[in-house]
Amino acid sequence: QVQLVESGGGLVQAGGSLRLSCAASGRTFTNYAMGWFRQAPGKEREFVVAISWSGRTSDYTDSVKGRFTISRDNAQNTVYLQMNKLKPEDTAVYYCAGRASAYPNDYYVRESDFNSWGQGTQVTVSS
């Protein structure tokens, strides 16, 4: 398993932007499919976005489509989540997750699909 560390969270006004980073270490990252999940206060953790290890395919939950963009730099062992037009309902702890995959274009959307998790980074969007 890889070790994952998120960064980039913070406080931003509605309509603003943040970029989250997830740095991986410990073993090869190249064949790891990655995802971002979030957990708002009083709610269960939910899927946000996923990307295959090739970077060619991805999936987004409907509420963030057109606003969030996932990308990865395999040479830097890092996954990014660019979040634009942020809304108060995006307020949550954001978690990076990863899993090895034999298929370069497969991505995963369930929590149970992933076996490596970061500690989370807080994103707060004020109205």
Foldseek 3Di string as FASTA:
>chain_A
DWAKAKDWADEEAAQAKIKMKIAIDDDQLQQKKKFKWWDDPPGDIAGAKIFFSLRPDMDGDPVQPPFWDWGDDRVRRMIMIIGGRDDQVVWTWMKMFIDGDPDRGDIDGDPVVTDYIYPTDTHGYHD
